[in-house]
Amino acid sequence: MITLSLAEIATIVGGQSHDIPDPAVQVTGPVVIDSRQVAAGSLFAAFAGENVDGHDYARKAVEAGAAAVLAVRPVGVPAIVVEDVVQALGALARAVVERTGATTVALTGSSGKTSTKDLIAQLLRRAGPTVWPEGNLNNEIGLPLTALRVADDTRFLVLEMGARYIGDIRYLTGLVPPRIGLVLNVGTAHIGEFGGREQIAQAKGEMVESLPSAEDGGVAVLNADDPLVRAMTTRTRARVVLFGESDEADVRAENVHVDPLGRPSFRLRTPTGCRDLTLRLYGEHHVSNALAATAVAHELGMSVDEIALALSEAETLSRWRMEVTERADGVTIVNDAYNANPDSMRAALRALVAMGGAARETGGRTWAVLGPMAELGDEALAEHDAVGRLAVRLNVSKLVAVGGMEASWLRLGAYNEGSWGEESVHVSDAQAAVDLLRSELRSGDVVLVKASRSAGLERVAQALLQDAVEGEVSGR
């Protein structure tokens, strides 16, 4: 981060210095919330969680090199004491970003946020020093931690913003106000908390409401193919740029098709020209993500040639999101187990079917190993049932539903759609899924693993990949 003295930080956050012998000591390292990540010159922010209180690790952090601790009480080592560490982090992040003059790009949406953030980062870093979140640091703690990584030469700051309730994005945009705001889609993620898609749209639209006016450089990048997103044009003073496959989109895709490995190709059309390209990413749903990233990069001065080249070379940066690995025995594992909602489940299933196209010609099968989707409220039964039915309609060879009640709904949906016999099965947990797959997989099979983060289904993918490393694959 930008170098600041402890005295300056105390002033910015409105805190009191305790046990600080020299207020001129500077914070030159990262701001961290895990004492194991402390580096020389760090600022350690102590949070009192449900199971762990960071204040108990304050001394360990200072001994590891932290310049001081940001805390809500004195901790016996150099500390800046504040009433609320979350609010203090936000205030510090805003002050630091303002000092750099970096252009802030923020994005939100029900699905695809992290993949699109990774694409935007891979484009913009070709145009100048860029900071973006690691993983999906998109809440009131993760966002300031990302913003605090900016340096004097940072040109672009990319921020991902998530929401569980109306007002969340308004709060986040208040911490680090964006100049360019992107809304990807309005789906059903967290619908249990929001109560309906209209409420989700209300929350996501807080992004465009936060933007500067068009005269002051504000730009709202909106999905022309999503009616609830497109309707947000009336909620912003910023200039609106539309992306999508609609003829009215400023940035759009034409002639979209998917190759036998599931990688999409299309003609990218922008206001300054068009280019044909193929993504390295798997699944047609990445076309929309690529268009969104293009719209942002184009607004920030990148040429269509630069954008097309960067997109064609872009890869997955965040773990457990459509990570595709082919084992030595010819079995392909698709680890998309970081998170799931109905929209991302449908996209992943379609990607699986596309990837399995070539495999089917040689006897390979497609396996959908699916777990529960969290936070769907009263819609949970219907949504799980619908995903199970879709797996059958897409002709997925084998469905393995993993877990408790939600998994039984997945299996029931598949059964009621016509998946009888051994085409679909319900197993109790990740280990049971691993045991089944170890006994059944054969060369040419493609295995998708996906569920909400709380299900921990990444263990299935990791176990199957470790089998290959240890030479324990069945070889069938």
Protein backbone atom coordinates (compact mmCIF):
# COMPACT_ATOMS: atom_id res chain seq x y z
CA MET A 1 0.00 0.00 0.00
CA ILE A 2 0.95 3.67 -0.04
CA THR A 3 3.36 4.45 2.80
CA LEU A 4 1.67 6.22 5.72
CA SER A 5 2.81 6.99 9.24
CA LEU A 6 0.92 5.64 12.23
CA ALA A 7 0.03 9.22 13.12
CA GLU A 8 -1.49 9.77 9.68
CA ILE A 9 -3.47 6.53 9.90
CA ALA A 10 -4.78 7.44 13.36
CA THR A 11 -6.01 10.77 12.00
CA ILE A 12 -7.68 9.18 8.96
CA VAL A 13 -9.56 6.55 11.00
CA GLY A 14 -10.27 8.78 13.98
CA GLY A 15 -8.42 6.46 16.35
CA GLN A 16 -6.34 6.81 19.49
CA SER A 17 -2.71 5.69 19.66
CA HIS A 18 -1.77 3.22 22.40
CA ASP A 19 1.69 1.93 23.25
CA ILE A 20 3.16 3.58 20.14
CA PRO A 21 6.60 4.96 21.06
CA ASP A 22 7.06 6.75 17.74
CA PRO A 23 3.97 7.92 15.79
CA ALA A 24 6.24 8.65 12.82
CA VAL A 25 6.81 4.92 12.26
CA GLN A 26 5.48 4.08 8.81
CA VAL A 27 3.28 1.31 7.54
CA THR A 28 5.03 0.06 4.43
CA GLY A 29 3.55 -3.43 4.12
CA PRO A 30 0.09 -4.82 3.42
CA VAL A 31 -2.97 -4.47 5.64
CA VAL A 32 -3.91 -7.99 6.77
CA ILE A 33 -6.50 -9.64 8.99
CA ASP A 34 -4.63 -12.94 9.42
CA SER A 35 -1.55 -12.82 11.63
CA ARG A 36 0.02 -15.55 9.50
CA GLN A 37 0.09 -13.15 6.56
CA VAL A 38 1.96 -10.38 8.37
CA ALA A 39 5.02 -8.99 6.59
CA ALA A 40 7.51 -6.37 7.70
CA GLY A 41 5.76 -3.01 8.05
CA SER A 42 2.21 -4.45 7.92
CA LEU A 43 -0.86 -3.11 9.67
CA PHE A 44 -2.74 -5.95 11.38
CA ALA A 45 -6.51 -5.39 11.63
CA ALA A 46 -7.91 -7.35 14.57
CA PHE A 47 -11.45 -8.66 14.24
CA ALA A 48 -13.45 -10.48 16.87
CA GLY A 49 -15.09 -13.35 14.97
CA GLU A 50 -17.44 -16.07 16.13
CA ASN A 51 -14.62 -18.53 16.81
CA VAL A 52 -11.42 -16.47 16.82
CA ASP A 53 -10.63 -13.03 18.24
CA GLY A 54 -7.86 -11.32 16.29
CA HIS A 55 -6.96 -9.26 19.35
CA ASP A 56 -5.54 -12.45 20.88
CA TYR A 57 -2.98 -12.54 18.03
CA ALA A 58 -1.90 -8.92 18.25
CA ARG A 59 1.40 -9.61 19.96
CA LYS A 60 2.19 -12.40 17.53
CA ALA A 61 1.52 -10.03 14.62
CA VAL A 62 3.85 -7.34 15.97
CA GLU A 63 6.55 -9.90 16.70
CA ALA A 64 6.23 -11.03 13.06
CA GLY A 65 6.92 -7.50 11.84
CA ALA A 66 3.63 -5.57 11.96
CA ALA A 67 4.13 -1.86 12.60
CA ALA A 68 0.94 -1.72 14.64
CA VAL A 69 -2.49 -3.22 15.22
CA LEU A 70 -5.86 -1.71 14.34
CA ALA A 71 -8.08 -2.73 17.25
CA VAL A 72 -11.13 -1.86 19.35
CA ARG A 73 -9.20 -2.03 22.63
CA PRO A 74 -5.60 -1.71 23.83
CA VAL A 75 -3.68 -4.94 23.26
CA GLY A 76 -0.34 -4.31 24.99
CA VAL A 77 1.54 -3.65 21.73
CA PRO A 78 1.53 -0.64 19.37
CA ALA A 79 -2.11 -0.12 18.37
CA ILE A 80 -4.53 2.38 16.92
CA VAL A 81 -7.77 1.93 18.84
CA VAL A 82 -11.06 2.68 17.09
CA GLU A 83 -14.73 2.13 17.80
CA ASP A 84 -15.27 -0.09 14.76
CA VAL A 85 -12.47 -1.81 12.84
CA VAL A 86 -14.66 -2.39 9.75
CA GLN A 87 -15.49 1.29 9.45
CA ALA A 88 -11.87 2.23 10.10
CA LEU A 89 -10.69 -0.05 7.30
CA GLY A 90 -13.18 1.56 4.95
CA ALA A 91 -12.09 5.07 5.85
CA LEU A 92 -8.45 4.16 5.38
CA ALA A 93 -9.16 2.53 2.00
CA ARG A 94 -10.98 5.59 0.68
CA ALA A 95 -8.20 7.94 1.78
CA VAL A 96 -5.49 5.78 0.23
CA VAL A 97 -7.29 5.38 -3.12
CA GLU A 98 -7.96 9.12 -3.31
CA ARG A 99 -4.24 9.80 -2.96
CA THR A 100 -3.40 7.65 -5.99
CA GLY A 101 -5.88 9.06 -8.48
CA ALA A 102 -6.44 5.51 -9.78
CA THR A 103 -9.55 4.90 -11.87
CA THR A 104 -11.90 2.65 -9.91
CA VAL A 105 -14.01 0.08 -11.74
CA ALA A 106 -16.64 -1.77 -9.70
CA LEU A 107 -18.84 -4.66 -10.76
CA THR A 108 -21.73 -6.62 -9.36
CA GLY A 109 -24.22 -9.24 -10.50
CA SER A 110 -25.92 -12.41 -9.35
CA SER A 111 -23.42 -14.64 -11.12
CA GLY A 112 -20.15 -14.33 -13.01
CA LYS A 113 -18.67 -11.55 -10.87
CA THR A 114 -15.38 -13.24 -10.08
CA SER A 115 -14.80 -14.60 -13.60
CA THR A 116 -15.54 -11.19 -15.12
CA LYS A 117 -13.35 -9.44 -12.56
CA ASP A 118 -10.50 -11.72 -13.57
CA LEU A 119 -11.08 -10.90 -17.25
CA ILE A 120 -11.16 -7.15 -16.63
CA ALA A 121 -7.93 -7.41 -14.66
CA GLN A 122 -6.20 -9.36 -17.43
CA LEU A 123 -7.21 -6.69 -19.94
CA LEU A 124 -6.42 -3.58 -17.91
CA ARG A 125 -3.06 -4.75 -16.63
CA ARG A 126 -1.87 -4.51 -20.24
CA ALA A 127 -2.75 -0.82 -20.16
CA GLY A 128 -1.16 0.00 -16.81
CA PRO A 129 -0.56 -1.14 -13.20
CA THR A 130 -3.78 -2.72 -11.98
CA VAL A 131 -5.00 -3.95 -8.59
CA TRP A 132 -7.86 -6.43 -8.33
CA PRO A 133 -9.25 -8.78 -5.66
CA GLU A 134 -7.76 -12.16 -4.99
CA GLY A 135 -10.62 -14.66 -5.02
CA ASN A 136 -13.96 -12.98 -4.29
CA LEU A 137 -13.11 -10.37 -1.67
CA ASN A 138 -16.34 -8.50 -2.26
CA ASN A 139 -17.75 -7.49 1.13
CA GLU A 140 -17.23 -4.76 3.72
CA ILE A 141 -13.91 -6.31 4.80
CA GLY A 142 -12.58 -7.80 1.58
CA LEU A 143 -13.19 -4.71 -0.53
CA PRO A 144 -11.11 -2.33 1.65
CA LEU A 145 -8.35 -4.93 1.89
CA THR A 146 -8.19 -4.99 -1.91
CA ALA A 147 -8.28 -1.19 -2.19
CA LEU A 148 -5.47 -0.87 0.34
CA ARG A 149 -3.14 -2.75 -2.02
CA VAL A 150 -2.91 0.22 -4.38
CA ALA A 151 0.44 1.96 -4.79
CA ASP A 152 1.51 5.35 -6.08
CA ASP A 153 1.73 4.04 -9.64
CA THR A 154 -1.59 2.14 -9.66
CA ARG A 155 -3.60 3.20 -12.68
CA PHE A 156 -6.67 0.96 -12.33
CA LEU A 157 -8.45 -0.48 -9.30
CA VAL A 158 -11.00 -3.24 -10.00
CA LEU A 159 -13.46 -4.02 -7.21
CA GLU A 160 -16.04 -6.80 -6.97
CA MET A 161 -19.13 -5.98 -4.90
CA GLY A 162 -21.49 -8.58 -3.48
CA ALA A 163 -24.80 -8.05 -1.73
CA ARG A 164 -27.07 -10.05 0.54
CA TYR A 165 -29.37 -7.19 1.45
CA ILE A 166 -30.60 -3.93 -0.02
CA GLY A 167 -28.12 -1.22 0.97
CA ASP A 168 -25.00 -3.41 0.86
CA ILE A 169 -23.75 -2.08 -2.48
CA ARG A 170 -24.64 1.48 -1.52
CA TYR A 171 -22.37 1.04 1.50
CA LEU A 172 -19.52 -0.46 -0.54
CA THR A 173 -19.65 2.22 -3.23
CA GLY A 174 -19.52 4.78 -0.44
CA LEU A 175 -16.23 3.30 0.78
CA VAL A 176 -14.44 3.53 -2.58
CA PRO A 177 -16.61 5.37 -5.12
CA PRO A 178 -16.28 3.93 -8.64
CA ARG A 179 -16.12 5.95 -11.84
CA ILE A 180 -17.17 2.97 -13.95
CA GLY A 181 -19.87 0.66 -12.61
CA LEU A 182 -20.79 -2.66 -14.21
CA VAL A 183 -23.92 -4.75 -13.58
CA LEU A 184 -23.74 -8.22 -15.10
CA ASN A 185 -27.14 -9.75 -14.42
CA VAL A 186 -30.00 -10.17 -11.97
CA GLY A 187 -30.53 -13.80 -11.09
CA THR A 188 -31.65 -15.82 -8.09
CA ALA A 189 -28.50 -15.92 -5.95
CA HIS A 190 -29.40 -15.03 -2.32
CA ILE A 191 -33.07 -14.87 -3.29
CA GLY A 192 -33.88 -16.26 0.15
CA GLU A 193 -32.52 -13.10 1.75
CA PHE A 194 -33.90 -10.66 -0.82
CA GLY A 195 -37.34 -12.18 -1.32
CA GLY A 196 -37.51 -11.88 -5.11
CA ARG A 197 -35.69 -10.86 -8.29
CA GLU A 198 -37.18 -7.36 -8.20
CA GLN A 199 -35.57 -6.81 -4.80
CA ILE A 200 -32.29 -8.19 -6.12
CA ALA A 201 -32.51 -5.71 -9.00
CA GLN A 202 -33.14 -2.92 -6.52
CA ALA A 203 -29.96 -3.89 -4.65
CA LYS A 204 -27.77 -4.33 -7.73
CA GLY A 205 -28.94 -1.02 -9.16
CA GLU A 206 -27.37 0.80 -6.23
CA MET A 207 -24.16 0.42 -8.25
CA VAL A 208 -25.29 2.76 -11.04
CA GLU A 209 -26.92 5.16 -8.61
CA SER A 210 -23.52 5.72 -7.01
CA LEU A 211 -21.75 6.79 -10.20
CA PRO A 212 -20.71 10.33 -11.11
CA SER A 213 -22.67 12.12 -13.80
CA ALA A 214 -21.76 11.69 -17.46
CA GLU A 215 -20.27 15.19 -17.37
CA ASP A 216 -17.97 14.11 -14.56
CA GLY A 217 -16.87 10.92 -16.34
CA GLY A 218 -19.28 8.40 -14.86
CA VAL A 219 -20.00 5.31 -17.00
CA ALA A 220 -22.61 2.62 -16.30
CA VAL A 221 -21.93 -0.63 -18.16
CA LEU A 222 -25.16 -2.64 -18.36
CA ASN A 223 -26.26 -5.99 -19.78
CA ALA A 224 -28.57 -5.31 -22.72
CA ASP A 225 -29.80 -8.92 -22.66
CA ASP A 226 -31.13 -8.78 -19.08
CA PRO A 227 -34.34 -6.70 -18.86
CA LEU A 228 -33.92 -5.99 -15.15
CA VAL A 229 -30.38 -4.72 -15.71
CA ARG A 230 -31.25 -2.74 -18.80
CA ALA A 231 -34.00 -0.99 -16.85
CA MET A 232 -31.32 0.49 -14.60
CA THR A 233 -30.56 3.08 -17.29
CA THR A 234 -33.20 5.26 -15.64
CA ARG A 235 -31.46 5.07 -12.26
CA THR A 236 -28.16 6.70 -13.15
CA ARG A 237 -26.74 10.08 -14.13
CA ALA A 238 -23.78 8.34 -15.77
CA ARG A 239 -23.38 7.68 -19.47
CA VAL A 240 -24.74 4.21 -20.28
CA VAL A 241 -22.86 1.60 -22.33
CA LEU A 242 -24.73 -1.60 -23.21
CA PHE A 243 -23.15 -5.01 -23.83
CA GLY A 244 -24.67 -8.29 -24.95
CA GLU A 245 -25.90 -10.10 -28.04
CA SER A 246 -28.74 -7.64 -28.62
CA ASP A 247 -28.51 -5.58 -31.81
CA GLU A 248 -28.80 -2.48 -29.64
CA ALA A 249 -25.71 -3.31 -27.57
CA ASP A 250 -22.71 -1.02 -28.00
CA VAL A 251 -20.40 -3.98 -27.43
CA ARG A 252 -21.80 -7.25 -28.72
CA ALA A 253 -21.05 -10.78 -29.81
CA GLU A 254 -21.99 -12.20 -33.19
CA ASN A 255 -21.72 -15.71 -34.67
CA VAL A 256 -21.25 -17.36 -31.28
CA HIS A 257 -20.36 -21.03 -31.40
CA VAL A 258 -18.64 -23.53 -29.12
CA ASP A 259 -15.90 -25.93 -30.18
CA PRO A 260 -15.85 -29.64 -29.21
CA LEU A 261 -13.88 -28.80 -26.05
CA GLY A 262 -16.49 -26.30 -24.89
CA ARG A 263 -14.54 -23.13 -25.69
CA PRO A 264 -16.57 -20.31 -27.28
CA SER A 265 -15.65 -18.37 -30.40
CA PHE A 266 -17.40 -15.24 -31.63
CA ARG A 267 -17.04 -11.98 -33.50
CA LEU A 268 -16.44 -9.15 -31.05
CA ARG A 269 -18.02 -5.91 -32.26
CA THR A 270 -17.20 -2.57 -30.62
CA PRO A 271 -17.85 1.06 -31.58
CA THR A 272 -14.34 1.19 -33.06
CA GLY A 273 -14.16 -2.09 -34.94
CA CYS A 274 -14.62 -5.85 -34.72
CA ARG A 275 -12.42 -8.92 -34.39
CA ASP A 276 -12.92 -12.69 -34.36
CA LEU A 277 -11.59 -14.54 -31.34
CA THR A 278 -11.71 -17.77 -29.34
CA LEU A 279 -11.62 -17.86 -25.56
CA ARG A 280 -9.50 -20.30 -23.60
CA LEU A 281 -12.25 -20.40 -20.99
CA TYR A 282 -14.81 -23.19 -20.97
CA GLY A 283 -18.51 -22.53 -21.41
CA GLU A 284 -20.63 -20.25 -23.58
CA HIS A 285 -21.60 -18.19 -20.53
CA HIS A 286 -18.12 -16.63 -20.64
CA VAL A 287 -19.09 -14.76 -23.80
CA SER A 288 -21.23 -12.37 -21.77
CA ASN A 289 -18.42 -11.96 -19.23
CA ALA A 290 -15.97 -11.20 -22.04
CA LEU A 291 -18.32 -8.58 -23.51
CA ALA A 292 -18.64 -6.88 -20.13
CA ALA A 293 -14.86 -6.81 -19.72
CA THR A 294 -14.50 -5.47 -23.26
CA ALA A 295 -16.92 -2.62 -22.59
CA VAL A 296 -14.90 -1.56 -19.55
CA ALA A 297 -11.53 -1.82 -21.33
CA HIS A 298 -12.83 0.04 -24.37
CA GLU A 299 -14.04 2.89 -22.16
CA LEU A 300 -10.57 3.08 -20.64
CA GLY A 301 -8.86 3.52 -23.98
CA MET A 302 -7.83 0.04 -25.08
CA SER A 303 -8.08 -0.72 -28.81
CA VAL A 304 -10.14 -3.58 -30.19
CA ASP A 305 -6.91 -5.33 -31.24
CA GLU A 306 -5.48 -5.11 -27.72
CA ILE A 307 -8.73 -6.31 -26.22
CA ALA A 308 -9.16 -9.26 -28.59
CA LEU A 309 -5.59 -10.43 -28.01
CA ALA A 310 -5.92 -10.17 -24.23
CA LEU A 311 -9.25 -12.03 -24.24
CA SER A 312 -7.87 -14.82 -26.41
CA GLU A 313 -5.01 -15.32 -23.94
CA ALA A 314 -7.02 -14.86 -20.71
CA GLU A 315 -7.19 -17.71 -18.22
CA THR A 316 -8.99 -18.52 -14.99
CA LEU A 317 -7.24 -16.70 -12.17
CA SER A 318 -9.44 -17.71 -9.23
CA ARG A 319 -9.41 -21.26 -7.92
CA TRP A 320 -12.22 -23.79 -8.21
CA ARG A 321 -14.00 -21.92 -11.00
CA MET A 322 -14.23 -24.08 -14.12
CA GLU A 323 -10.72 -25.42 -13.47
CA VAL A 324 -10.28 -28.06 -16.16
CA THR A 325 -7.68 -30.80 -15.70
CA GLU A 326 -7.25 -33.93 -17.81
CA ARG A 327 -5.83 -36.90 -15.91
CA ALA A 328 -3.25 -39.21 -17.46
CA ASP A 329 -5.94 -41.86 -17.92
CA GLY A 330 -8.08 -39.57 -20.09
CA VAL A 331 -10.63 -38.54 -17.43
CA THR A 332 -11.28 -34.78 -17.37
CA ILE A 333 -12.14 -33.12 -14.04
CA VAL A 334 -13.95 -29.76 -14.07
CA ASN A 335 -13.67 -28.22 -10.60
CA ASP A 336 -16.31 -25.48 -10.37
CA ALA A 337 -16.97 -26.08 -6.69
CA TYR A 338 -16.27 -22.63 -5.28
CA ASN A 339 -19.93 -21.60 -5.29
CA ALA A 340 -23.26 -22.18 -6.98
CA ASN A 341 -26.64 -20.64 -7.63
CA PRO A 342 -29.35 -21.64 -10.11
CA ASP A 343 -27.97 -19.48 -12.91
CA SER A 344 -24.37 -20.65 -12.53
CA MET A 345 -25.54 -24.26 -12.19
CA ARG A 346 -27.34 -24.04 -15.53
CA ALA A 347 -24.33 -22.44 -17.19
CA ALA A 348 -21.98 -25.08 -15.81
CA LEU A 349 -24.22 -27.94 -16.98
CA ARG A 350 -24.34 -26.52 -20.49
CA ALA A 351 -20.57 -26.15 -20.45
CA LEU A 352 -20.23 -29.78 -19.32
CA VAL A 353 -22.39 -30.99 -22.19
CA ALA A 354 -20.38 -28.95 -24.69
CA MET A 355 -17.11 -30.30 -23.31
CA GLY A 356 -18.43 -33.84 -23.47
CA GLY A 357 -19.32 -33.59 -27.14
CA ALA A 358 -16.03 -34.95 -28.40
CA ALA A 359 -15.79 -37.48 -25.57
CA ARG A 360 -19.14 -39.07 -26.45
CA GLU A 361 -17.86 -39.97 -29.90
CA THR A 362 -15.31 -42.28 -28.26
CA GLY A 363 -17.58 -43.66 -25.55
CA GLY A 364 -16.88 -41.04 -22.90
CA ARG A 365 -19.62 -39.90 -20.55
CA THR A 366 -20.55 -36.64 -18.82
CA TRP A 367 -20.89 -36.71 -15.02
CA ALA A 368 -22.57 -33.92 -13.06
CA VAL A 369 -21.57 -34.18 -9.40
CA LEU A 370 -23.81 -31.56 -7.82
CA GLY A 371 -24.42 -30.43 -4.26
CA PRO A 372 -26.78 -28.00 -2.57
CA MET A 373 -27.30 -24.37 -3.57
CA ALA A 374 -27.52 -22.24 -0.43
CA GLU A 375 -29.63 -19.19 0.48
CA LEU A 376 -32.58 -19.87 -1.81
CA GLY A 377 -35.25 -19.66 0.89
CA ASP A 378 -38.70 -20.74 -0.21
CA GLU A 379 -37.40 -21.28 -3.76
CA ALA A 380 -34.96 -24.01 -2.73
CA LEU A 381 -37.10 -27.04 -3.59
CA ALA A 382 -38.21 -25.67 -6.97
CA GLU A 383 -34.72 -24.55 -7.97
CA HIS A 384 -33.02 -27.82 -7.06
CA ASP A 385 -35.76 -29.76 -8.80
CA ALA A 386 -35.28 -27.60 -11.91
CA VAL A 387 -31.53 -28.21 -12.00
CA GLY A 388 -32.07 -31.95 -11.75
CA ARG A 389 -34.56 -31.80 -14.62
CA LEU A 390 -32.19 -29.71 -16.73
CA ALA A 391 -29.43 -32.27 -16.35
CA VAL A 392 -31.75 -34.83 -17.95
CA ARG A 393 -32.90 -32.47 -20.70
CA LEU A 394 -29.30 -31.73 -21.60
CA ASN A 395 -28.63 -35.47 -21.77
CA VAL A 396 -25.96 -35.50 -19.06
CA SER A 397 -24.92 -39.14 -18.79
CA LYS A 398 -24.74 -39.43 -15.00
CA LEU A 399 -26.02 -37.21 -12.18
CA VAL A 400 -24.55 -37.67 -8.71
CA ALA A 401 -26.46 -35.58 -6.15
CA VAL A 402 -24.38 -35.12 -3.02
CA GLY A 403 -25.66 -34.19 0.43
CA GLY A 404 -28.92 -34.04 2.35
CA MET A 405 -32.37 -32.77 1.56
CA GLU A 406 -31.37 -30.40 -1.26
CA ALA A 407 -29.50 -33.21 -3.02
CA SER A 408 -32.57 -35.42 -2.75
CA TRP A 409 -34.52 -32.69 -4.55
CA LEU A 410 -31.91 -32.66 -7.33
CA ARG A 411 -32.24 -36.41 -7.69
CA LEU A 412 -36.04 -36.26 -7.57
CA GLY A 413 -36.12 -33.64 -10.32
CA ALA A 414 -33.96 -35.85 -12.52
CA TYR A 415 -36.09 -38.90 -11.74
CA ASN A 416 -39.35 -37.11 -12.56
CA GLU A 417 -37.84 -35.89 -15.84
CA GLY A 418 -37.08 -39.45 -16.85
CA SER A 419 -33.70 -40.29 -15.31
CA TRP A 420 -34.27 -43.78 -13.98
CA GLY A 421 -32.05 -46.76 -13.27
CA GLU A 422 -28.43 -45.79 -12.72
CA GLU A 423 -28.52 -42.53 -14.65
CA SER A 424 -28.86 -40.55 -11.43
CA VAL A 425 -27.99 -41.35 -7.84
CA HIS A 426 -28.11 -39.65 -4.45
CA VAL A 427 -25.12 -40.11 -2.12
CA SER A 428 -24.69 -38.84 1.41
CA ASP A 429 -21.44 -36.92 1.30
CA ALA A 430 -18.27 -36.05 -0.63
CA GLN A 431 -16.46 -39.24 0.33
CA ALA A 432 -19.35 -41.37 -0.89
CA ALA A 433 -19.22 -39.50 -4.20
CA VAL A 434 -15.46 -40.11 -4.46
CA ASP A 435 -15.91 -43.83 -3.77
CA LEU A 436 -18.59 -44.10 -6.46
CA LEU A 437 -16.58 -42.23 -9.06
CA ARG A 438 -13.41 -44.20 -8.37
CA SER A 439 -15.27 -47.39 -9.17
CA GLU A 440 -17.04 -46.09 -12.27
CA LEU A 441 -14.88 -43.58 -14.18
CA ARG A 442 -13.25 -44.56 -17.43
CA SER A 443 -11.13 -42.89 -20.07
CA GLY A 444 -12.94 -40.13 -21.93
CA ASP A 445 -15.32 -39.24 -19.09
CA VAL A 446 -15.81 -35.58 -18.16
CA VAL A 447 -16.72 -34.85 -14.54
CA LEU A 448 -18.23 -31.55 -13.37
CA VAL A 449 -18.13 -30.86 -9.62
CA LYS A 450 -20.28 -27.94 -8.42
CA ALA A 451 -22.13 -26.78 -5.30
CA SER A 452 -22.34 -23.85 -2.94
CA ARG A 453 -19.16 -23.17 -1.02
CA SER A 454 -20.58 -24.50 2.24
CA ALA A 455 -20.87 -27.99 0.74
CA GLY A 456 -17.11 -28.37 0.36
CA LEU A 457 -17.38 -30.42 -2.84
CA GLU A 458 -13.95 -29.27 -3.97
CA ARG A 459 -12.81 -32.29 -1.94
CA VAL A 460 -14.31 -34.54 -4.61
CA ALA A 461 -12.32 -32.92 -7.41
CA GLN A 462 -9.16 -32.80 -5.32
CA ALA A 463 -9.42 -36.47 -4.41
CA LEU A 464 -9.93 -37.51 -8.04
CA LEU A 465 -6.95 -35.45 -9.16
CA GLN A 466 -4.80 -36.78 -6.34
CA ASP A 467 -5.63 -40.30 -7.48
CA ALA A 468 -3.95 -39.52 -10.78
CA VAL A 469 -0.88 -38.13 -9.03
CA GLU A 470 -0.58 -41.23 -6.88
CA GLY A 471 -1.23 -43.60 -9.76
CA GLU A 472 -4.42 -44.98 -8.21
CA VAL A 473 -6.80 -44.32 -11.08
CA SER A 474 -8.89 -47.27 -12.07
CA GLY A 475 -7.77 -47.29 -15.70
CA ARG A 476 -11.10 -48.65 -16.82
